[in-house]
Amino acid sequence: MARVLSKGAMAAAARWVRRQPPKVKAFLAVVAGMAALVLIRAVVRDHDNLFVAAEAVHALGISVLIYKLTKEKTCAGLSLKSQDLTALFLAVRLYCSFVMEYDIHTLLDTAALATTLWVIYMMRFRLKSSYMEDKDNFAIYYVVLPCAVLALLIHPSTSHNILNRICWAFCVYLEAVSVLPQLRLMQNTKIVEPFTSHYVFALGVARFLSCAHWVLQVLDTRGRLLTQLGYGLWPSMVLLAEIVQTFILADFCYYYIKSLVGGQLVLRLPSGVV
């Protein structure tokens, strides 16, 4: 009985949220995000663990993707353009990591880039017949060019070579929007099969944890972290990029959880989502 009432209450809440105008939905998303940050700050003692958790969730999402490609033998529902953008920002970030700050991120990015290139290979050659090229119609120059221009204008003010600093900024900006082609493809199909939805949801969770890590670091250091990144607009842009990554996927994650609670294996997206 309690479970039925709980499901009924959640369904009513979901219907209420769905009826709200975009501004109200955005406000509710901000409130939910702030509440989650407060909870995480209270529960997680070492906030560096959030970075580890973000990488673990991302790895889990990639594992789901590998399973889909190797066992299901299909790449239907996956955006090759998103994978291309991911490979691009990872390659640039890996270059920056080698020449600017060789650390654990270098190893993680190397593994992520290798996996992404394998996914691209599978989609372009081995599983090309199942690739939804007509649905994957997002023009990637809409994000690559603005990110490049923004990187030229706003980049770190460190002592590194100017080209390296611009590359660093470019990969930060591009990462924030690299998932847009995937969201466009799902918007075009309206129906998202389980493995793809699990993968995208994992990306959303990983990016939220990464964003939480950044925000809580700023709070813990009382803003000193931003000054360590340099001066001007760059520190704020880094934080903004993290927030943008999270909110781009917030709508999809809402419908994913709603579908999961409702016991639906196939996610159906209403018009206007993502």
C-alpha atoms as a PDB file:
ATOM      1  CA  MET A   1       0.000   0.000   0.000  1.00  0.00           C
ATOM      2  CA  ALA A   2       2.790   2.389   0.945  1.00  0.00           C
ATOM      3  CA  ARG A   3       4.603   1.595  -2.296  1.00  0.00           C
ATOM      4  CA  VAL A   4       1.478   2.347  -4.330  1.00  0.00           C
ATOM      5  CA  LEU A   5       1.010   5.659  -2.535  1.00  0.00           C
ATOM      6  CA  SER A   6       4.669   6.504  -3.056  1.00  0.00           C
ATOM      7  CA  LYS A   7       4.457   5.803  -6.785  1.00  0.00           C
ATOM      8  CA  GLY A   8       1.259   7.812  -7.001  1.00  0.00           C
ATOM      9  CA  ALA A   9       2.861  10.769  -5.272  1.00  0.00           C
ATOM     10  CA  MET A  10       5.906  10.608  -7.546  1.00  0.00           C
ATOM     11  CA  ALA A  11       3.703  10.399 -10.629  1.00  0.00           C
ATOM     12  CA  ALA A  12       1.688  13.407  -9.470  1.00  0.00           C
ATOM     13  CA  ALA A  13       4.879  15.355  -8.782  1.00  0.00           C
ATOM     14  CA  ALA A  14       6.243  14.425 -12.208  1.00  0.00           C
ATOM     15  CA  ARG A  15       3.045  15.597 -13.898  1.00  0.00           C
ATOM     16  CA  TRP A  16       3.186  18.867 -11.969  1.00  0.00           C
ATOM     17  CA  VAL A  17       6.798  19.487 -12.975  1.00  0.00           C
ATOM     18  CA  ARG A  18       6.040  18.631 -16.604  1.00  0.00           C
ATOM     19  CA  ARG A  19       3.268  21.253 -16.708  1.00  0.00           C
ATOM     20  CA  GLN A  20       5.533  24.037 -15.486  1.00  0.00           C
ATOM     21  CA  PRO A  21       7.009  26.624 -17.878  1.00  0.00           C
ATOM     22  CA  PRO A  22      10.728  26.371 -18.764  1.00  0.00           C
ATOM     23  CA  LYS A  23      11.748  29.110 -16.316  1.00  0.00           C
ATOM     24  CA  VAL A  24      10.118  27.292 -13.410  1.00  0.00           C
ATOM     25  CA  LYS A  25      11.727  24.016 -14.475  1.00  0.00           C
ATOM     26  CA  ALA A  26      15.111  25.735 -14.610  1.00  0.00           C
ATOM     27  CA  PHE A  27      14.555  27.186 -11.142  1.00  0.00           C
ATOM     28  CA  LEU A  28      13.564  23.781  -9.770  1.00  0.00           C
ATOM     29  CA  ALA A  29      16.657  22.238 -11.344  1.00  0.00           C
ATOM     30  CA  VAL A  30      18.868  24.850  -9.688  1.00  0.00           C
ATOM     31  CA  VAL A  31      17.203  24.268  -6.317  1.00  0.00           C
ATOM     32  CA  ALA A  32      17.585  20.501  -6.678  1.00  0.00           C
ATOM     33  CA  GLY A  33      21.232  20.911  -7.638  1.00  0.00           C
ATOM     34  CA  MET A  34      21.940  23.161  -4.666  1.00  0.00           C
ATOM     35  CA  ALA A  35      20.193  20.741  -2.319  1.00  0.00           C
ATOM     36  CA  ALA A  36      22.280  17.889  -3.715  1.00  0.00           C
ATOM     37  CA  LEU A  37      25.470  19.911  -3.201  1.00  0.00           C
ATOM     38  CA  VAL A  38      24.541  20.639   0.410  1.00  0.00           C
ATOM     39  CA  LEU A  39      23.860  16.948   0.994  1.00  0.00           C
ATOM     40  CA  ILE A  40      27.121  15.874  -0.641  1.00  0.00           C
ATOM     41  CA  ARG A  41      29.098  18.427   1.351  1.00  0.00           C
ATOM     42  CA  ALA A  42      27.588  17.102   4.562  1.00  0.00           C
ATOM     43  CA  VAL A  43      28.034  13.410   3.747  1.00  0.00           C
ATOM     44  CA  VAL A  44      31.346  13.269   1.853  1.00  0.00           C
ATOM     45  CA  ARG A  45      34.225  14.252   4.117  1.00  0.00           C
ATOM     46  CA  ASP A  46      36.994  14.224   1.512  1.00  0.00           C
ATOM     47  CA  HIS A  47      35.653  16.047  -1.517  1.00  0.00           C
ATOM     48  CA  ASP A  48      38.484  14.725  -3.684  1.00  0.00           C
ATOM     49  CA  ASN A  49      36.594  11.439  -3.565  1.00  0.00           C
ATOM     50  CA  LEU A  50      34.010  13.082  -5.802  1.00  0.00           C
ATOM     51  CA  PHE A  51      36.568  13.190  -8.601  1.00  0.00           C
ATOM     52  CA  VAL A  52      37.257   9.479  -8.140  1.00  0.00           C
ATOM     53  CA  ALA A  53      33.519   8.787  -8.098  1.00  0.00           C
ATOM     54  CA  ALA A  54      33.006  10.819 -11.278  1.00  0.00           C
ATOM     55  CA  GLU A  55      35.712   8.868 -13.085  1.00  0.00           C
ATOM     56  CA  ALA A  56      34.302   5.571 -11.813  1.00  0.00           C
ATOM     57  CA  VAL A  57      30.793   6.397 -13.047  1.00  0.00           C
ATOM     58  CA  HIS A  58      32.200   7.530 -16.387  1.00  0.00           C
ATOM     59  CA  ALA A  59      34.108   4.255 -16.681  1.00  0.00           C
ATOM     60  CA  LEU A  60      30.903   2.383 -15.878  1.00  0.00           C
ATOM     61  CA  GLY A  61      29.128   4.245 -18.672  1.00  0.00           C
ATOM     62  CA  ILE A  62      31.891   3.369 -21.111  1.00  0.00           C
ATOM     63  CA  SER A  63      31.649  -0.268 -20.011  1.00  0.00           C
ATOM     64  CA  VAL A  64      27.952  -0.233 -20.879  1.00  0.00           C
ATOM     65  CA  LEU A  65      28.843   1.218 -24.271  1.00  0.00           C
ATOM     66  CA  ILE A  66      31.451  -1.482 -24.891  1.00  0.00           C
ATOM     67  CA  TYR A  67      28.928  -4.158 -23.957  1.00  0.00           C
ATOM     68  CA  LYS A  68      26.389  -2.706 -26.374  1.00  0.00           C
ATOM     69  CA  LEU A  69      28.862  -2.688 -29.259  1.00  0.00           C
ATOM     70  CA  THR A  70      30.404  -6.102 -28.624  1.00  0.00           C
ATOM     71  CA  LYS A  71      27.442  -8.143 -27.415  1.00  0.00           C
ATOM     72  CA  GLU A  72      24.477  -6.446 -29.037  1.00  0.00           C
ATOM     73  CA  LYS A  73      26.436  -5.863 -32.267  1.00  0.00           C
ATOM     74  CA  THR A  74      24.723  -2.543 -32.906  1.00  0.00           C
ATOM     75  CA  CYS A  75      25.468   1.141 -32.537  1.00  0.00           C
ATOM     76  CA  ALA A  76      21.870   2.238 -33.102  1.00  0.00           C
ATOM     77  CA  GLY A  77      21.046   5.262 -30.986  1.00  0.00           C
ATOM     78  CA  LEU A  78      24.659   6.368 -30.593  1.00  0.00           C
ATOM     79  CA  SER A  79      25.968   9.596 -32.066  1.00  0.00           C
ATOM     80  CA  LEU A  80      29.219   9.233 -33.965  1.00  0.00           C
ATOM     81  CA  LYS A  81      29.572  13.005 -33.949  1.00  0.00           C
ATOM     82  CA  SER A  82      29.514  13.078 -30.152  1.00  0.00           C
ATOM     83  CA  GLN A  83      32.215  10.425 -30.115  1.00  0.00           C
ATOM     84  CA  ASP A  84      34.253  12.472 -32.607  1.00  0.00           C
ATOM     85  CA  LEU A  85      33.966  15.550 -30.395  1.00  0.00           C
ATOM     86  CA  THR A  86      34.888  13.484 -27.354  1.00  0.00           C
ATOM     87  CA  ALA A  87      37.982  12.146 -29.099  1.00  0.00           C
ATOM     88  CA  LEU A  88      38.926  15.674 -30.153  1.00  0.00           C
ATOM     89  CA  PHE A  89      38.741  17.248 -26.712  1.00  0.00           C
ATOM     90  CA  LEU A  90      40.438  14.225 -25.122  1.00  0.00           C
ATOM     91  CA  ALA A  91      43.297  14.387 -27.633  1.00  0.00           C
ATOM     92  CA  VAL A  92      43.786  18.102 -27.013  1.00  0.00           C
ATOM     93  CA  ARG A  93      43.537  17.633 -23.251  1.00  0.00           C
ATOM     94  CA  LEU A  94      46.015  14.772 -23.378  1.00  0.00           C
ATOM     95  CA  TYR A  95      48.469  16.980 -25.255  1.00  0.00           C
ATOM     96  CA  CYS A  96      48.013  19.720 -22.648  1.00  0.00           C
ATOM     97  CA  SER A  97      48.442  17.203 -19.864  1.00  0.00           C
ATOM     98  CA  PHE A  98      51.756  16.011 -21.290  1.00  0.00           C
ATOM     99  CA  VAL A  99      53.218  19.487 -21.753  1.00  0.00           C
ATOM    100  CA  MET A 100      51.666  21.284 -18.780  1.00  0.00           C
ATOM    101  CA  GLU A 101      50.815  19.017 -15.840  1.00  0.00           C
ATOM    102  CA  TYR A 102      51.631  15.330 -16.201  1.00  0.00           C
ATOM    103  CA  ASP A 103      49.627  13.530 -13.486  1.00  0.00           C
ATOM    104  CA  ILE A 104      46.934  10.901 -12.895  1.00  0.00           C
ATOM    105  CA  HIS A 105      44.661  12.754 -15.319  1.00  0.00           C
ATOM    106  CA  THR A 106      47.110  11.901 -18.093  1.00  0.00           C
ATOM    107  CA  LEU A 107      46.657   8.179 -17.534  1.00  0.00           C
ATOM    108  CA  LEU A 108      42.882   8.492 -17.247  1.00  0.00           C
ATOM    109  CA  ASP A 109      42.651  10.570 -20.422  1.00  0.00           C
ATOM    110  CA  THR A 110      44.872   8.104 -22.283  1.00  0.00           C
ATOM    111  CA  ALA A 111      42.551   5.239 -21.382  1.00  0.00           C
ATOM    112  CA  ALA A 112      39.458   7.297 -22.226  1.00  0.00           C
ATOM    113  CA  LEU A 113      40.871   8.364 -25.595  1.00  0.00           C
ATOM    114  CA  ALA A 114      41.850   4.803 -26.509  1.00  0.00           C
ATOM    115  CA  THR A 115      38.348   3.588 -25.666  1.00  0.00           C
ATOM    116  CA  THR A 116      36.703   6.420 -27.583  1.00  0.00           C
ATOM    117  CA  LEU A 117      38.815   5.747 -30.673  1.00  0.00           C
ATOM    118  CA  TRP A 118      37.810   2.087 -30.478  1.00  0.00           C
ATOM    119  CA  VAL A 119      34.135   3.097 -30.298  1.00  0.00           C
ATOM    120  CA  ILE A 120      34.601   5.355 -33.329  1.00  0.00           C
ATOM    121  CA  TYR A 121      36.280   2.524 -35.231  1.00  0.00           C
ATOM    122  CA  MET A 122      33.421   0.142 -34.419  1.00  0.00           C
ATOM    123  CA  MET A 123      30.804   2.674 -35.474  1.00  0.00           C
ATOM    124  CA  ARG A 124      32.552   3.723 -38.686  1.00  0.00           C
ATOM    125  CA  PHE A 125      33.529   0.282 -39.929  1.00  0.00           C
ATOM    126  CA  ARG A 126      32.371  -2.813 -38.037  1.00  0.00           C
ATOM    127  CA  LEU A 127      28.832  -1.684 -37.183  1.00  0.00           C
ATOM    128  CA  LYS A 128      28.300   0.944 -39.853  1.00  0.00           C
ATOM    129  CA  SER A 129      25.064  -0.662 -41.087  1.00  0.00           C
ATOM    130  CA  SER A 130      23.332   0.046 -37.755  1.00  0.00           C
ATOM    131  CA  TYR A 131      24.544   3.651 -37.463  1.00  0.00           C
ATOM    132  CA  MET A 132      21.663   6.152 -37.673  1.00  0.00           C
ATOM    133  CA  GLU A 133      23.445   8.644 -39.894  1.00  0.00           C
ATOM    134  CA  ASP A 134      20.249  10.405 -40.940  1.00  0.00           C
ATOM    135  CA  LYS A 135      19.310  11.036 -37.297  1.00  0.00           C
ATOM    136  CA  ASP A 136      22.808  12.104 -36.287  1.00  0.00           C
ATOM    137  CA  ASN A 137      22.423  15.448 -38.035  1.00  0.00           C
ATOM    138  CA  PHE A 138      23.927  17.922 -35.578  1.00  0.00           C
ATOM    139  CA  ALA A 139      26.396  20.240 -37.338  1.00  0.00           C
ATOM    140  CA  ILE A 140      29.483  19.952 -35.147  1.00  0.00           C
ATOM    141  CA  TYR A 141      31.020  23.162 -36.460  1.00  0.00           C
ATOM    142  CA  TYR A 142      28.278  24.921 -34.473  1.00  0.00           C
ATOM    143  CA  VAL A 143      30.176  23.962 -31.334  1.00  0.00           C
ATOM    144  CA  VAL A 144      33.772  23.544 -32.527  1.00  0.00           C
ATOM    145  CA  LEU A 145      34.123  27.020 -34.027  1.00  0.00           C
ATOM    146  CA  PRO A 146      32.561  28.933 -31.098  1.00  0.00           C
ATOM    147  CA  CYS A 147      34.720  26.947 -28.666  1.00  0.00           C
ATOM    148  CA  ALA A 148      37.835  27.791 -30.685  1.00  0.00           C
ATOM    149  CA  VAL A 149      36.957  31.496 -30.807  1.00  0.00           C
ATOM    150  CA  LEU A 150      36.132  31.537 -27.103  1.00  0.00           C
ATOM    151  CA  ALA A 151      39.441  29.822 -26.332  1.00  0.00           C
ATOM    152  CA  LEU A 152      41.301  32.507 -28.278  1.00  0.00           C
ATOM    153  CA  LEU A 153      39.551  35.215 -26.275  1.00  0.00           C
ATOM    154  CA  ILE A 154      39.414  33.638 -22.820  1.00  0.00           C
ATOM    155  CA  HIS A 155      42.163  31.258 -21.722  1.00  0.00           C
ATOM    156  CA  PRO A 156      44.415  30.681 -18.689  1.00  0.00           C
ATOM    157  CA  SER A 157      46.806  33.418 -17.646  1.00  0.00           C
ATOM    158  CA  THR A 158      49.519  31.040 -16.487  1.00  0.00           C
ATOM    159  CA  SER A 159      53.177  31.078 -17.502  1.00  0.00           C
ATOM    160  CA  HIS A 160      52.750  28.301 -20.072  1.00  0.00           C
ATOM    161  CA  ASN A 161      53.109  28.788 -23.810  1.00  0.00           C
ATOM    162  CA  ILE A 162      50.195  30.766 -25.275  1.00  0.00           C
ATOM    163  CA  LEU A 163      49.312  27.965 -27.719  1.00  0.00           C
ATOM    164  CA  ASN A 164      49.120  25.448 -24.882  1.00  0.00           C
ATOM    165  CA  ARG A 165      46.907  27.771 -22.859  1.00  0.00           C
ATOM    166  CA  ILE A 166      44.531  28.231 -25.791  1.00  0.00           C
ATOM    167  CA  CYS A 167      44.404  24.466 -26.325  1.00  0.00           C
ATOM    168  CA  TRP A 168      43.640  23.970 -22.653  1.00  0.00           C
ATOM    169  CA  ALA A 169      40.742  26.404 -22.825  1.00  0.00           C
ATOM    170  CA  PHE A 170      39.475  24.839 -26.058  1.00  0.00           C
ATOM    171  CA  CYS A 171      39.221  21.349 -24.568  1.00  0.00           C
ATOM    172  CA  VAL A 172      37.444  22.697 -21.470  1.00  0.00           C
ATOM    173  CA  TYR A 173      34.821  24.453 -23.588  1.00  0.00           C
ATOM    174  CA  LEU A 174      34.424  21.591 -26.060  1.00  0.00           C
ATOM    175  CA  GLU A 175      33.960  19.006 -23.327  1.00  0.00           C
ATOM    176  CA  ALA A 176      31.051  21.016 -21.947  1.00  0.00           C
ATOM    177  CA  VAL A 177      29.066  20.718 -25.184  1.00  0.00           C
ATOM    178  CA  SER A 178      30.394  17.480 -26.702  1.00  0.00           C
ATOM    179  CA  VAL A 179      27.240  15.578 -25.757  1.00  0.00           C
ATOM    180  CA  LEU A 180      24.932  17.854 -27.782  1.00  0.00           C
ATOM    181  CA  PRO A 181      24.966  15.679 -30.948  1.00  0.00           C
ATOM    182  CA  GLN A 182      23.990  12.660 -28.831  1.00  0.00           C
ATOM    183  CA  LEU A 183      21.093  14.584 -27.340  1.00  0.00           C
ATOM    184  CA  ARG A 184      20.007  15.758 -30.798  1.00  0.00           C
ATOM    185  CA  LEU A 185      20.006  12.177 -32.077  1.00  0.00           C
ATOM    186  CA  MET A 186      17.849  11.068 -29.156  1.00  0.00           C
ATOM    187  CA  GLN A 187      15.556  14.008 -29.753  1.00  0.00           C
ATOM    188  CA  ASN A 188      15.161  12.900 -33.364  1.00  0.00           C
ATOM    189  CA  THR A 189      14.392   9.280 -32.504  1.00  0.00           C
ATOM    190  CA  LYS A 190      12.273  10.027 -29.384  1.00  0.00           C
ATOM    191  CA  ILE A 191      12.815   6.418 -28.234  1.00  0.00           C
ATOM    192  CA  VAL A 192      16.087   5.543 -26.498  1.00  0.00           C
ATOM    193  CA  GLU A 193      16.985   1.896 -25.983  1.00  0.00           C
ATOM    194  CA  PRO A 194      18.296   0.818 -22.549  1.00  0.00           C
ATOM    195  CA  PHE A 195      22.051   0.627 -23.121  1.00  0.00           C
ATOM    196  CA  THR A 196      22.225   4.046 -24.746  1.00  0.00           C
ATOM    197  CA  SER A 197      20.113   5.605 -22.001  1.00  0.00           C
ATOM    198  CA  HIS A 198      22.301   3.969 -19.317  1.00  0.00           C
ATOM    199  CA  TYR A 199      25.411   5.357 -21.007  1.00  0.00           C
ATOM    200  CA  VAL A 200      24.071   8.906 -21.300  1.00  0.00           C
ATOM    201  CA  PHE A 201      22.734   8.823 -17.746  1.00  0.00           C
ATOM    202  CA  ALA A 202      26.175   7.740 -16.526  1.00  0.00           C
ATOM    203  CA  LEU A 203      27.646  10.740 -18.348  1.00  0.00           C
ATOM    204  CA  GLY A 204      25.145  12.986 -16.603  1.00  0.00           C
ATOM    205  CA  VAL A 205      25.944  11.597 -13.160  1.00  0.00           C
ATOM    206  CA  ALA A 206      29.694  11.763 -13.798  1.00  0.00           C
ATOM    207  CA  ARG A 207      29.476  15.364 -14.898  1.00  0.00           C
ATOM    208  CA  PHE A 208      27.336  16.311 -11.912  1.00  0.00           C
ATOM    209  CA  LEU A 209      29.888  14.751  -9.556  1.00  0.00           C
ATOM    210  CA  SER A 210      32.689  16.546 -11.382  1.00  0.00           C
ATOM    211  CA  CYS A 211      30.793  19.821 -11.123  1.00  0.00           C
ATOM    212  CA  ALA A 212      30.144  19.190  -7.424  1.00  0.00           C
ATOM    213  CA  HIS A 213      33.854  18.525  -6.952  1.00  0.00           C
ATOM    214  CA  TRP A 214      34.738  21.879  -8.488  1.00  0.00           C
ATOM    215  CA  VAL A 215      32.087  23.865  -6.631  1.00  0.00           C
ATOM    216  CA  LEU A 216      32.926  22.326  -3.267  1.00  0.00           C
ATOM    217  CA  GLN A 217      36.640  22.885  -3.860  1.00  0.00           C
ATOM    218  CA  VAL A 218      35.924  26.558  -4.465  1.00  0.00           C
ATOM    219  CA  LEU A 219      33.881  26.706  -1.263  1.00  0.00           C
ATOM    220  CA  ASP A 220      36.458  24.777   0.762  1.00  0.00           C
ATOM    221  CA  THR A 221      39.269  27.094  -0.338  1.00  0.00           C
ATOM    222  CA  ARG A 222      37.074  30.190   0.094  1.00  0.00           C
ATOM    223  CA  GLY A 223      37.605  31.094  -3.537  1.00  0.00           C
ATOM    224  CA  ARG A 224      41.384  30.700  -3.522  1.00  0.00           C
ATOM    225  CA  LEU A 225      41.126  27.918  -6.099  1.00  0.00           C
ATOM    226  CA  LEU A 226      39.775  30.386  -8.646  1.00  0.00           C
ATOM    227  CA  THR A 227      42.694  32.746  -8.109  1.00  0.00           C
ATOM    228  CA  GLN A 228      45.122  29.839  -8.511  1.00  0.00           C
ATOM    229  CA  LEU A 229      43.714  29.255 -11.987  1.00  0.00           C
ATOM    230  CA  GLY A 230      44.696  32.759 -13.028  1.00  0.00           C
ATOM    231  CA  TYR A 231      42.989  36.095 -13.336  1.00  0.00           C
ATOM    232  CA  GLY A 232      40.387  37.630 -15.618  1.00  0.00           C
ATOM    233  CA  LEU A 233      37.379  35.688 -16.872  1.00  0.00           C
ATOM    234  CA  TRP A 234      39.101  32.307 -17.167  1.00  0.00           C
ATOM    235  CA  PRO A 235      38.462  30.992 -13.606  1.00  0.00           C
ATOM    236  CA  SER A 236      34.777  31.825 -13.888  1.00  0.00           C
ATOM    237  CA  MET A 237      34.581  30.216 -17.333  1.00  0.00           C
ATOM    238  CA  VAL A 238      36.039  26.964 -15.995  1.00  0.00           C
ATOM    239  CA  LEU A 239      33.371  26.815 -13.319  1.00  0.00           C
ATOM    240  CA  LEU A 240      30.678  27.834 -15.800  1.00  0.00           C
ATOM    241  CA  ALA A 241      31.750  25.060 -18.188  1.00  0.00           C
ATOM    242  CA  GLU A 242      31.339  22.498 -15.412  1.00  0.00           C
ATOM    243  CA  ILE A 243      27.867  23.809 -14.612  1.00  0.00           C
ATOM    244  CA  VAL A 244      26.852  23.870 -18.288  1.00  0.00           C
ATOM    245  CA  GLN A 245      27.912  20.231 -18.694  1.00  0.00           C
ATOM    246  CA  THR A 246      25.633  19.266 -15.841  1.00  0.00           C
ATOM    247  CA  PHE A 247      22.565  21.224 -16.886  1.00  0.00           C
ATOM    248  CA  ILE A 248      22.765  20.112 -20.518  1.00  0.00           C
ATOM    249  CA  LEU A 249      22.053  16.563 -19.342  1.00  0.00           C
ATOM    250  CA  ALA A 250      19.727  17.413 -16.453  1.00  0.00           C
ATOM    251  CA  ASP A 251      16.507  17.151 -18.473  1.00  0.00           C
ATOM    252  CA  PHE A 252      17.454  13.772 -19.902  1.00  0.00           C
ATOM    253  CA  CYS A 253      18.419  12.445 -16.458  1.00  0.00           C
ATOM    254  CA  TYR A 254      15.031  13.495 -15.103  1.00  0.00           C
ATOM    255  CA  TYR A 255      13.172  11.475 -17.725  1.00  0.00           C
ATOM    256  CA  TYR A 256      15.588   8.572 -17.301  1.00  0.00           C
ATOM    257  CA  ILE A 257      14.850   8.348 -13.570  1.00  0.00           C
ATOM    258  CA  LYS A 258      11.136   8.801 -14.215  1.00  0.00           C
ATOM    259  CA  SER A 259      11.210   5.941 -16.731  1.00  0.00           C
ATOM    260  CA  LEU A 260      13.230   3.749 -14.377  1.00  0.00           C
ATOM    261  CA  VAL A 261      10.835   4.330 -11.487  1.00  0.00           C
ATOM    262  CA  GLY A 262       7.941   3.507 -13.795  1.00  0.00           C
ATOM    263  CA  GLY A 263       9.545   0.187 -14.699  1.00  0.00           C
ATOM    264  CA  GLN A 264      10.014   1.061 -18.372  1.00  0.00           C
ATOM    265  CA  LEU A 265      13.080  -0.427 -20.039  1.00  0.00           C
ATOM    266  CA  VAL A 266      12.799   1.736 -23.141  1.00  0.00           C
ATOM    267  CA  LEU A 267      12.988   5.471 -22.525  1.00  0.00           C
ATOM    268  CA  ARG A 268      10.465   7.547 -24.450  1.00  0.00           C
ATOM    269  CA  LEU A 269      11.226  11.236 -24.641  1.00  0.00           C
ATOM    270  CA  PRO A 270       8.412  13.757 -25.085  1.00  0.00           C
ATOM    271  CA  SER A 271       8.712  16.512 -27.666  1.00  0.00           C
ATOM    272  CA  GLY A 272      11.015  19.346 -26.722  1.00  0.00           C
ATOM    273  CA  VAL A 273      13.225  17.332 -24.379  1.00  0.00           C
ATOM    274  CA  VAL A 274      16.988  17.720 -24.846  1.00  0.00           C
END
